[in-house]
Amino acid sequence: MANVTYQPTPNPNSLKFVLDRPVVEAGSESYMNAEDAKGSPVASALFAIEGVAGVFMLGNFVTVTKAPEASWEDLVPQVEQVLSEQFA
């Protein structure tokens, strides 16, 4: 299982989840909705979590943006679980 930690970002609706391995091989990937994410198993799994509004992947991190009404208290454990499973 991947080791996942998270850090705040300047945007209170976004958190940066840092992994102990690369999440994308080259460049970056950005998804604004579940439809955009269909080609990415990781982004699709994250959008399956209620409250996830955006996913950005670069290097060894994934930035998740939540809907304003969603709670990080509810989302963080679910996002960590998805990332740990996807990068097991």
N, C-alpha and C. Protein backbone atom coordinates (compact mmCIF):
# COMPACT_ATOMS: atom_id res chain seq x y z
N MET A 1 0.85 -1.19 0.00
CA MET A 1 0.00 0.00 0.00
C MET A 1 0.89 1.24 0.00
N ALA A 2 0.43 2.23 -0.72
CA ALA A 2 1.18 3.48 -0.81
C ALA A 2 1.05 4.26 0.50
N ASN A 3 2.11 4.96 0.84
CA ASN A 3 2.08 5.86 1.98
C ASN A 3 1.54 7.20 1.48
N VAL A 4 0.47 7.69 2.11
CA VAL A 4 -0.18 8.92 1.67
C VAL A 4 -0.22 9.91 2.83
N THR A 5 0.26 11.12 2.58
CA THR A 5 0.13 12.21 3.55
C THR A 5 -0.54 13.38 2.83
N TYR A 6 -1.10 14.30 3.59
CA TYR A 6 -1.73 15.44 2.92
C TYR A 6 -1.24 16.74 3.50
N GLN A 7 -1.33 17.78 2.68
CA GLN A 7 -0.88 19.12 3.03
C GLN A 7 -1.93 20.13 2.59
N PRO A 8 -2.04 21.23 3.33
CA PRO A 8 -2.96 22.28 2.89
C PRO A 8 -2.43 22.97 1.63
N THR A 9 -3.31 23.64 0.94
CA THR A 9 -2.95 24.48 -0.21
C THR A 9 -3.50 25.87 0.07
N PRO A 10 -3.14 26.86 -0.73
CA PRO A 10 -3.72 28.19 -0.52
C PRO A 10 -5.25 28.21 -0.67
N ASN A 11 -5.80 27.25 -1.41
CA ASN A 11 -7.24 27.14 -1.59
C ASN A 11 -7.81 26.25 -0.48
N PRO A 12 -8.67 26.76 0.40
CA PRO A 12 -9.21 25.93 1.47
C PRO A 12 -10.07 24.76 0.98
N ASN A 13 -10.48 24.80 -0.28
CA ASN A 13 -11.26 23.70 -0.84
C ASN A 13 -10.40 22.66 -1.54
N SER A 14 -9.07 22.80 -1.45
CA SER A 14 -8.16 21.83 -2.07
C SER A 14 -7.11 21.36 -1.07
N LEU A 15 -6.81 20.07 -1.13
CA LEU A 15 -5.72 19.49 -0.34
C LEU A 15 -4.79 18.75 -1.28
N LYS A 16 -3.51 18.78 -0.96
CA LYS A 16 -2.48 18.09 -1.73
C LYS A 16 -2.16 16.78 -1.02
N PHE A 17 -2.40 15.65 -1.69
CA PHE A 17 -2.11 14.33 -1.15
C PHE A 17 -0.81 13.83 -1.78
N VAL A 18 0.23 13.67 -0.95
CA VAL A 18 1.56 13.29 -1.43
C VAL A 18 1.76 11.80 -1.19
N LEU A 19 2.23 11.11 -2.24
CA LEU A 19 2.47 9.67 -2.16
C LEU A 19 3.97 9.39 -2.18
N ASP A 20 4.33 8.18 -1.81
CA ASP A 20 5.73 7.78 -1.80
C ASP A 20 6.16 7.17 -3.13
N ARG A 21 5.42 7.46 -4.18
CA ARG A 21 5.72 6.96 -5.53
C ARG A 21 5.06 7.89 -6.55
N PRO A 22 5.50 7.84 -7.81
CA PRO A 22 4.87 8.70 -8.82
C PRO A 22 3.42 8.32 -9.07
N VAL A 23 2.60 9.32 -9.34
CA VAL A 23 1.20 9.07 -9.69
C VAL A 23 0.98 9.22 -11.18
N VAL A 24 1.84 9.97 -11.86
CA VAL A 24 1.83 10.07 -13.31
C VAL A 24 3.28 9.99 -13.78
N GLU A 25 3.48 9.37 -14.92
CA GLU A 25 4.84 9.17 -15.43
C GLU A 25 5.44 10.45 -15.99
N ALA A 26 4.64 11.23 -16.70
CA ALA A 26 5.15 12.46 -17.31
C ALA A 26 4.01 13.47 -17.41
N GLY A 27 4.34 14.72 -17.29
CA GLY A 27 3.32 15.76 -17.41
C GLY A 27 2.37 15.76 -16.24
N SER A 28 1.18 16.30 -16.48
CA SER A 28 0.17 16.36 -15.44
C SER A 28 -1.18 15.94 -16.02
N GLU A 29 -2.10 15.64 -15.14
CA GLU A 29 -3.46 15.29 -15.54
C GLU A 29 -4.42 16.11 -14.68
N SER A 30 -5.43 16.69 -15.31
CA SER A 30 -6.39 17.52 -14.60
C SER A 30 -7.81 17.12 -15.02
N TYR A 31 -8.67 16.92 -14.04
CA TYR A 31 -10.04 16.50 -14.30
C TYR A 31 -11.00 17.38 -13.51
N MET A 32 -12.01 17.89 -14.20
CA MET A 32 -12.97 18.78 -13.56
C MET A 32 -14.29 18.10 -13.21
N ASN A 33 -14.48 16.89 -13.71
CA ASN A 33 -15.71 16.16 -13.39
C ASN A 33 -15.52 14.68 -13.71
N ALA A 34 -16.49 13.88 -13.31
CA ALA A 34 -16.40 12.43 -13.50
C ALA A 34 -16.35 12.06 -14.97
N GLU A 35 -17.01 12.82 -15.81
CA GLU A 35 -17.00 12.55 -17.25
C GLU A 35 -15.57 12.69 -17.80
N ASP A 36 -14.89 13.77 -17.43
CA ASP A 36 -13.49 13.98 -17.85
C ASP A 36 -12.59 12.84 -17.39
N ALA A 37 -12.90 12.29 -16.23
CA ALA A 37 -12.02 11.32 -15.57
C ALA A 37 -12.18 9.89 -16.08
N LYS A 38 -13.08 9.66 -17.01
CA LYS A 38 -13.36 8.28 -17.44
C LYS A 38 -12.13 7.50 -17.89
N GLY A 39 -11.13 8.17 -18.46
CA GLY A 39 -9.93 7.48 -18.92
C GLY A 39 -8.91 7.22 -17.83
N SER A 40 -9.16 7.69 -16.62
CA SER A 40 -8.21 7.54 -15.51
C SER A 40 -8.85 6.77 -14.37
N PRO A 41 -8.36 5.56 -14.10
CA PRO A 41 -8.93 4.78 -12.99
C PRO A 41 -8.81 5.51 -11.64
N VAL A 42 -7.70 6.19 -11.44
CA VAL A 42 -7.49 6.91 -10.16
C VAL A 42 -8.49 8.05 -10.04
N ALA A 43 -8.57 8.91 -11.04
CA ALA A 43 -9.49 10.04 -10.98
C ALA A 43 -10.94 9.56 -10.91
N SER A 44 -11.27 8.52 -11.64
CA SER A 44 -12.63 7.98 -11.59
C SER A 44 -12.98 7.51 -10.18
N ALA A 45 -12.04 6.83 -9.53
CA ALA A 45 -12.28 6.35 -8.16
C ALA A 45 -12.45 7.53 -7.20
N LEU A 46 -11.69 8.59 -7.41
CA LEU A 46 -11.82 9.77 -6.54
C LEU A 46 -13.16 10.47 -6.77
N PHE A 47 -13.59 10.58 -8.02
CA PHE A 47 -14.88 11.23 -8.30
C PHE A 47 -16.05 10.38 -7.79
N ALA A 48 -15.84 9.11 -7.52
CA ALA A 48 -16.90 8.28 -6.95
C ALA A 48 -17.18 8.66 -5.49
N ILE A 49 -16.28 9.43 -4.89
CA ILE A 49 -16.47 9.92 -3.52
C ILE A 49 -17.35 11.16 -3.59
N GLU A 50 -18.45 11.13 -2.88
CA GLU A 50 -19.36 12.28 -2.88
C GLU A 50 -18.65 13.51 -2.30
N GLY A 51 -18.69 14.60 -3.04
CA GLY A 51 -18.07 15.84 -2.58
C GLY A 51 -16.80 16.21 -3.32
N VAL A 52 -16.21 15.25 -4.07
CA VAL A 52 -15.01 15.55 -4.85
C VAL A 52 -15.43 16.33 -6.09
N ALA A 53 -14.77 17.49 -6.31
CA ALA A 53 -15.15 18.37 -7.42
C ALA A 53 -14.04 18.54 -8.46
N GLY A 54 -12.82 18.12 -8.14
CA GLY A 54 -11.71 18.25 -9.08
C GLY A 54 -10.53 17.42 -8.66
N VAL A 55 -9.74 16.98 -9.65
CA VAL A 55 -8.56 16.15 -9.39
C VAL A 55 -7.44 16.64 -10.30
N PHE A 56 -6.27 16.88 -9.71
CA PHE A 56 -5.08 17.27 -10.46
C PHE A 56 -3.94 16.37 -10.02
N MET A 57 -3.25 15.75 -10.97
CA MET A 57 -2.15 14.83 -10.64
C MET A 57 -0.87 15.29 -11.33
N LEU A 58 0.22 15.30 -10.56
CA LEU A 58 1.52 15.70 -11.08
C LEU A 58 2.59 15.06 -10.21
N GLY A 59 3.59 14.47 -10.84
CA GLY A 59 4.69 13.90 -10.07
C GLY A 59 4.21 12.87 -9.07
N ASN A 60 4.47 13.14 -7.79
CA ASN A 60 4.09 12.19 -6.75
C ASN A 60 2.93 12.71 -5.89
N PHE A 61 2.11 13.61 -6.45
CA PHE A 61 1.00 14.10 -5.64
C PHE A 61 -0.29 14.22 -6.45
N VAL A 62 -1.38 14.22 -5.70
CA VAL A 62 -2.72 14.40 -6.24
C VAL A 62 -3.37 15.53 -5.44
N THR A 63 -3.80 16.58 -6.12
CA THR A 63 -4.55 17.63 -5.45
C THR A 63 -6.03 17.37 -5.69
N VAL A 64 -6.76 17.28 -4.60
CA VAL A 64 -8.20 17.04 -4.67
C VAL A 64 -8.91 18.32 -4.25
N THR A 65 -9.86 18.75 -5.07
CA THR A 65 -10.70 19.90 -4.75
C THR A 65 -12.08 19.39 -4.38
N LYS A 66 -12.60 19.92 -3.30
CA LYS A 66 -13.92 19.48 -2.83
C LYS A 66 -14.98 20.52 -3.16
N ALA A 67 -16.21 20.07 -3.19
CA ALA A 67 -17.34 20.99 -3.30
C ALA A 67 -17.38 21.84 -2.03
N PRO A 68 -17.79 23.10 -2.12
CA PRO A 68 -17.77 23.98 -0.94
C PRO A 68 -18.53 23.42 0.27
N GLU A 69 -19.61 22.69 0.01
CA GLU A 69 -20.41 22.17 1.13
C GLU A 69 -19.85 20.88 1.72
N ALA A 70 -18.89 20.26 1.06
CA ALA A 70 -18.30 19.00 1.55
C ALA A 70 -17.33 19.28 2.70
N SER A 71 -17.12 18.27 3.53
CA SER A 71 -16.26 18.39 4.71
C SER A 71 -14.97 17.59 4.52
N TRP A 72 -13.83 18.24 4.78
CA TRP A 72 -12.56 17.51 4.70
C TRP A 72 -12.54 16.38 5.72
N GLU A 73 -13.18 16.56 6.84
CA GLU A 73 -13.23 15.53 7.87
C GLU A 73 -13.80 14.22 7.30
N ASP A 74 -14.80 14.35 6.42
CA ASP A 74 -15.40 13.18 5.79
C ASP A 74 -14.57 12.69 4.60
N LEU A 75 -14.00 13.62 3.85
CA LEU A 75 -13.33 13.27 2.59
C LEU A 75 -11.93 12.69 2.76
N VAL A 76 -11.14 13.24 3.68
CA VAL A 76 -9.73 12.84 3.78
C VAL A 76 -9.57 11.32 3.93
N PRO A 77 -10.27 10.66 4.86
CA PRO A 77 -10.06 9.20 4.98
C PRO A 77 -10.42 8.44 3.71
N GLN A 78 -11.46 8.89 3.02
CA GLN A 78 -11.88 8.22 1.79
C GLN A 78 -10.86 8.42 0.67
N VAL A 79 -10.34 9.64 0.55
CA VAL A 79 -9.33 9.92 -0.48
C VAL A 79 -8.07 9.13 -0.18
N GLU A 80 -7.64 9.11 1.07
CA GLU A 80 -6.44 8.34 1.44
C GLU A 80 -6.62 6.86 1.12
N GLN A 81 -7.79 6.33 1.38
CA GLN A 81 -8.06 4.92 1.10
C GLN A 81 -7.99 4.64 -0.40
N VAL A 82 -8.64 5.47 -1.20
CA VAL A 82 -8.62 5.29 -2.66
C VAL A 82 -7.18 5.33 -3.17
N LEU A 83 -6.42 6.33 -2.76
CA LEU A 83 -5.05 6.46 -3.26
C LEU A 83 -4.17 5.29 -2.80
N SER A 84 -4.34 4.86 -1.56
CA SER A 84 -3.57 3.70 -1.08
C SER A 84 -3.89 2.46 -1.88
N GLU A 85 -5.16 2.26 -2.20
CA GLU A 85 -5.56 1.08 -2.98
C GLU A 85 -5.12 1.19 -4.43
N GLN A 86 -5.25 2.35 -5.03
CA GLN A 86 -4.89 2.53 -6.44
C GLN A 86 -3.40 2.40 -6.67
N PHE A 87 -2.61 2.74 -5.67
CA PHE A 87 -1.14 2.68 -5.82
C PHE A 87 -0.55 1.65 -4.88
N ALA A 88 -1.27 0.55 -4.68
CA ALA A 88 -0.81 -0.52 -3.78
C ALA A 88 0.45 -1.19 -4.35
